Amino acid sequence: MRYTPETYAQGFLELLKEHPEKEEDIIHRFRDVLIKKGDIQFANKIISAVESHYTHEQGGRNIVIESARTLSVAQQEALSSFMNDKDSVRTKITPSVIAGARITIDDEQMIDVTLSRRLHKLFSSH
């Protein structure tokens, strides 16, 4: 990869700020640059970095909620009380969680209340 996803994200967002009226054109040209530089294969990482930077600029947090199964409406409502409108929330199904949830905030803070962590802790302490 010629540039990091963060570098691409910063450049892309700066262009959009400078020329908001040319959003569609900027998106197409950005895609063309990724193709030309051979970095189109990293598009998902770059898009995630764009979303992350944009969320932070708006005063929000990037939150990833991992669970073994789809969250119920009651679980989603309980979690939403800890979030604000500016937060970007993604849910991810991770069967290895077994039960419970793992919540990561801005790739820095992690709340891990999973059964897999409890089992690992139980069996590794002996």
Protein backbone atom coordinates (compact mmCIF):
# COMPACT_ATOMS: atom_id res chain seq x y z
CA MET A 1 0.00 0.00 0.00
CA ARG A 2 1.46 3.30 -1.10
CA TYR A 3 -0.21 5.40 1.64
CA THR A 4 -1.86 4.41 4.93
CA PRO A 5 -5.66 4.27 5.09
CA GLU A 6 -5.51 7.20 7.52
CA THR A 7 -3.55 9.32 5.03
CA TYR A 8 -6.04 8.53 2.28
CA ALA A 9 -8.92 9.32 4.65
CA GLN A 10 -7.48 12.69 5.67
CA GLY A 11 -6.86 13.70 2.06
CA PHE A 12 -10.31 12.61 0.96
CA LEU A 13 -12.07 14.48 3.78
CA GLU A 14 -10.00 17.63 3.20
CA LEU A 15 -11.03 17.63 -0.47
CA LEU A 16 -14.68 17.24 0.49
CA LYS A 17 -14.44 20.14 2.94
CA GLU A 18 -12.82 22.39 0.35
CA HIS A 19 -15.24 21.47 -2.45
CA PRO A 20 -18.50 20.09 -1.01
CA GLU A 21 -20.32 20.92 -4.24
CA LYS A 22 -18.09 18.43 -6.11
CA GLU A 23 -18.74 15.46 -3.81
CA GLU A 24 -19.70 12.98 -6.53
CA ASP A 25 -16.75 13.96 -8.73
CA ILE A 26 -14.33 13.70 -5.77
CA ILE A 27 -15.60 10.21 -4.95
CA HIS A 28 -15.11 9.02 -8.54
CA ARG A 29 -11.66 10.58 -8.82
CA PHE A 30 -10.66 9.14 -5.46
CA ARG A 31 -11.64 5.67 -6.69
CA ASP A 32 -9.59 6.27 -9.85
CA VAL A 33 -6.55 7.26 -7.75
CA LEU A 34 -6.87 4.05 -5.70
CA ILE A 35 -6.99 2.02 -8.90
CA LYS A 36 -4.03 3.87 -10.41
CA LYS A 37 -1.92 3.46 -7.24
CA GLY A 38 -2.86 -0.22 -6.97
CA ASP A 39 -4.53 0.35 -3.61
CA ILE A 40 -8.13 -0.41 -4.61
CA GLN A 41 -7.76 -3.79 -2.89
CA PHE A 42 -7.56 -1.88 0.41
CA ALA A 43 -10.77 0.07 -0.26
CA ASN A 44 -12.60 -1.41 2.75
CA LYS A 45 -9.82 -0.34 5.14
CA ILE A 46 -9.72 3.11 3.55
CA ILE A 47 -13.50 3.52 3.76
CA SER A 48 -13.39 2.50 7.44
CA ALA A 49 -10.68 5.10 8.05
CA VAL A 50 -12.79 7.76 6.29
CA GLU A 51 -15.80 6.87 8.44
CA SER A 52 -13.66 6.89 11.59
CA HIS A 53 -12.10 10.28 10.88
CA TYR A 54 -15.46 11.78 9.91
CA THR A 55 -17.12 10.47 13.09
CA HIS A 56 -14.34 11.97 15.23
CA GLU A 57 -14.57 15.31 13.41
CA GLN A 58 -18.28 15.39 14.25
CA GLY A 59 -17.53 14.71 17.93
CA GLY A 60 -18.59 11.08 17.92
CA ARG A 61 -16.96 7.78 18.80
CA ASN A 62 -16.47 4.63 16.72
CA ILE A 63 -18.09 1.76 18.57
CA VAL A 64 -17.97 -1.91 17.58
CA ILE A 65 -20.24 -4.36 19.38
CA GLU A 66 -19.37 -8.03 18.94
CA SER A 67 -21.76 -10.77 19.99
CA ALA A 68 -22.34 -14.41 19.13
CA ARG A 69 -25.82 -13.69 17.80
CA THR A 70 -27.86 -10.75 16.58
CA LEU A 71 -28.73 -8.42 19.46
CA SER A 72 -32.37 -8.31 20.54
CA VAL A 73 -34.31 -5.06 20.41
CA ALA A 74 -34.11 -4.82 24.22
CA GLN A 75 -30.32 -5.29 24.13
CA GLN A 76 -29.96 -2.66 21.39
CA GLU A 77 -32.08 -0.20 23.38
CA ALA A 78 -30.05 -0.83 26.56
CA LEU A 79 -26.79 -0.18 24.70
CA SER A 80 -28.12 2.88 22.89
CA SER A 81 -28.60 4.66 26.22
CA PHE A 82 -24.77 4.86 26.49
CA MET A 83 -24.32 6.34 23.02
CA ASN A 84 -25.06 9.65 21.39
CA ASP A 85 -26.35 10.59 17.93
CA LYS A 86 -22.84 11.36 16.68
CA ASP A 87 -21.45 7.91 17.47
CA SER A 88 -20.88 5.43 14.66
CA VAL A 89 -22.02 1.99 15.86
CA ARG A 90 -21.28 -1.27 14.09
CA THR A 91 -22.42 -4.67 15.19
CA LYS A 92 -20.43 -7.75 14.38
CA ILE A 93 -21.43 -11.39 14.77
CA THR A 94 -18.49 -13.33 16.27
CA PRO A 95 -19.47 -16.92 17.16
CA SER A 96 -16.33 -17.40 19.29
CA VAL A 97 -17.81 -14.92 21.80
CA ILE A 98 -20.20 -17.77 22.81
CA ALA A 99 -22.40 -15.45 24.94
CA GLY A 100 -22.28 -11.87 26.14
CA ALA A 101 -20.67 -9.03 24.21
CA ARG A 102 -17.38 -7.29 23.54
CA ILE A 103 -17.62 -3.53 23.03
CA THR A 104 -14.68 -1.61 21.57
CA ILE A 105 -14.65 2.18 21.62
CA ASP A 106 -12.30 4.02 19.24
CA ASP A 107 -10.01 0.97 19.04
CA GLU A 108 -8.76 1.94 22.50
CA GLN A 109 -11.23 0.98 25.21
CA MET A 110 -12.68 -2.50 25.43
CA ILE A 111 -15.47 -3.80 27.59
CA ASP A 112 -15.36 -7.59 27.45
CA VAL A 113 -18.24 -9.35 29.16
CA THR A 114 -18.11 -12.50 27.06
CA LEU A 115 -18.44 -16.05 28.23
CA SER A 116 -15.32 -16.97 26.25
CA ARG A 117 -13.26 -14.45 28.29
CA ARG A 118 -14.69 -15.75 31.55
CA LEU A 119 -13.94 -19.35 30.60
CA HIS A 120 -10.42 -18.45 29.51
CA LYS A 121 -9.85 -16.59 32.78
CA LEU A 122 -11.26 -19.48 34.82
CA PHE A 123 -9.11 -22.15 33.18
CA SER A 124 -5.92 -20.12 32.83
CA SER A 125 -5.79 -19.17 36.51
CA HIS A 126 -5.21 -22.76 37.60
